[in-house]
Amino acid sequence: MSKFIYLYKGPATPMDQFTPEQSAAQTEAWGAWMSRVGPALVDAGNPFADGAAVVDDGSTAAPSSDVTGYSIVEAESLEAAKNFTQDHPFLAEGNGRYRLEIFELIDMQM
C-alpha cells in the first residue's frame, strides 16, 4: 500500500462565508465522501490559510499557487487513489474551476 496526497486547487470559499444551509450541505457531502473512503483515508486534511513562499535567494513572497487544501489516502495504486475521487465534494461543481491533483508520497528510507 502507498500513500497519496490530494491537493485541492481552485477558488475555495472560506467556511465563514457559507450560509448555515451551505455549511450543512458541505458537512454532509464531505462526511459522505469520508465514510465511503473509510479507513483508506489516512488524513482527512485541512484547508490552507494564508501562506508565504521562501525563495532560494533568501527572499520571501506571497505564494503564487491556488492550492487550497489537502487530504491523504492509502491505496494500492495511483488508479485506486483516483477512484476515491468519484463523487468527491470538491469536484461537485462540474465547470472546470476545481481540480484535485494526486501524488504518490515516496517513503524516504533514512
Protein backbone atom coordinates (compact mmCIF):
# COMPACT_ATOMS: atom_id res chain seq x y z
CA MET A 1 0.00 0.00 0.00
CA SER A 2 1.14 3.52 -0.77
CA LYS A 3 0.04 6.90 0.49
CA PHE A 4 -1.23 9.53 -1.93
CA ILE A 5 -1.75 13.22 -1.28
CA TYR A 6 -4.70 15.04 -2.79
CA LEU A 7 -4.00 18.72 -3.42
CA TYR A 8 -7.15 20.77 -3.83
CA LYS A 9 -6.84 23.56 -6.38
CA GLY A 10 -9.49 26.15 -7.08
CA PRO A 11 -11.23 29.25 -5.77
CA ALA A 12 -12.40 27.87 -2.42
CA THR A 13 -14.94 29.86 -0.42
CA PRO A 14 -13.92 30.38 3.22
CA MET A 15 -16.19 28.44 5.56
CA ASP A 16 -17.20 31.60 7.43
CA GLN A 17 -18.79 32.90 4.21
CA PHE A 18 -21.20 29.94 3.88
CA THR A 19 -24.81 30.28 4.90
CA PRO A 20 -25.90 27.78 7.57
CA GLU A 21 -27.62 25.77 4.82
CA GLN A 22 -24.48 25.74 2.65
CA SER A 23 -22.36 24.77 5.63
CA ALA A 24 -24.69 21.89 6.49
CA ALA A 25 -24.69 20.68 2.87
CA GLN A 26 -20.88 20.81 2.70
CA THR A 27 -20.52 19.00 6.01
CA GLU A 28 -22.91 16.29 4.82
CA ALA A 29 -21.16 15.91 1.43
CA TRP A 30 -17.69 15.68 2.97
CA GLY A 31 -18.93 13.27 5.64
CA ALA A 32 -20.45 11.00 2.98
CA TRP A 33 -17.20 11.01 0.98
CA MET A 34 -15.08 10.29 4.09
CA SER A 35 -17.39 7.44 5.10
CA ARG A 36 -17.17 5.95 1.61
CA VAL A 37 -13.36 6.08 1.59
CA GLY A 38 -13.31 4.64 5.11
CA PRO A 39 -10.01 3.52 6.64
CA ALA A 40 -8.15 4.34 3.41
CA LEU A 41 -8.48 7.99 4.46
CA VAL A 42 -5.22 8.36 6.39
CA ASP A 43 -5.57 12.11 6.97
CA ALA A 44 -8.77 13.99 6.10
CA GLY A 45 -6.57 17.08 5.79
CA ASN A 46 -7.46 20.71 6.15
CA PRO A 47 -7.93 23.81 4.07
CA PHE A 48 -4.93 26.12 3.84
CA ALA A 49 -4.88 29.61 5.36
CA ASP A 50 -2.51 32.42 4.37
CA GLY A 51 0.99 31.32 3.42
CA ALA A 52 4.32 32.51 2.14
CA ALA A 53 6.88 31.38 -0.41
CA VAL A 54 10.54 31.21 0.56
CA VAL A 55 12.81 31.66 -2.46
CA ASP A 56 16.25 30.10 -2.90
CA ASP A 57 17.82 33.58 -2.84
CA GLY A 58 16.56 34.11 0.72
CA SER A 59 13.65 36.37 -0.19
CA THR A 60 10.01 35.69 0.60
CA ALA A 61 6.84 36.39 -1.32
CA ALA A 62 3.16 35.58 -1.31
CA PRO A 63 2.56 32.08 -2.66
CA SER A 64 1.58 32.02 -6.33
CA SER A 65 -0.45 28.84 -6.01
CA ASP A 66 -4.16 28.19 -5.97
CA VAL A 67 -3.71 25.12 -3.76
CA THR A 68 -6.38 25.42 -1.08
CA GLY A 69 -6.01 22.23 0.97
CA TYR A 70 -5.06 18.57 1.11
CA SER A 71 -6.08 15.05 2.13
CA ILE A 72 -4.05 11.83 2.28
CA VAL A 73 -5.37 8.40 1.29
CA GLU A 74 -3.81 4.97 1.23
CA ALA A 75 -4.29 2.88 -1.91
CA GLU A 76 -2.75 0.04 -3.91
CA SER A 77 -2.03 2.27 -6.92
CA LEU A 78 -2.48 5.72 -8.42
CA GLU A 79 -5.51 4.38 -10.28
CA ALA A 80 -7.05 3.19 -7.00
CA ALA A 81 -6.33 6.60 -5.43
CA LYS A 82 -8.06 8.25 -8.40
CA ASN A 83 -11.10 6.02 -7.88
CA PHE A 84 -11.62 7.52 -4.41
CA THR A 85 -12.33 10.88 -6.08
CA GLN A 86 -15.62 9.68 -7.55
CA ASP A 87 -18.40 11.86 -6.10
CA HIS A 88 -15.82 13.95 -4.24
CA PRO A 89 -17.49 17.14 -2.94
CA PHE A 90 -14.59 19.35 -4.06
CA LEU A 91 -15.27 18.31 -7.67
CA ALA A 92 -19.05 18.73 -7.48
CA GLU A 93 -19.39 22.00 -9.43
CA GLY A 94 -18.56 20.42 -12.79
CA ASN A 95 -17.46 23.65 -14.52
CA GLY A 96 -13.71 23.02 -14.64
CA ARG A 97 -12.79 25.59 -11.96
CA TYR A 98 -11.78 22.98 -9.38
CA ARG A 99 -9.28 20.18 -9.64
CA LEU A 100 -7.75 17.62 -7.39
CA GLU A 101 -4.12 16.73 -8.07
CA ILE A 102 -2.89 13.38 -6.77
CA PHE A 103 0.73 12.50 -5.98
CA GLU A 104 2.17 9.34 -4.51
CA LEU A 105 4.16 10.04 -1.35
CA ILE A 106 7.53 8.32 -1.57
CA ASP A 107 8.77 6.70 1.63
CA MET A 108 12.21 8.11 2.36
CA GLN A 109 14.35 5.42 4.00
CA MET A 110 16.93 7.12 6.18
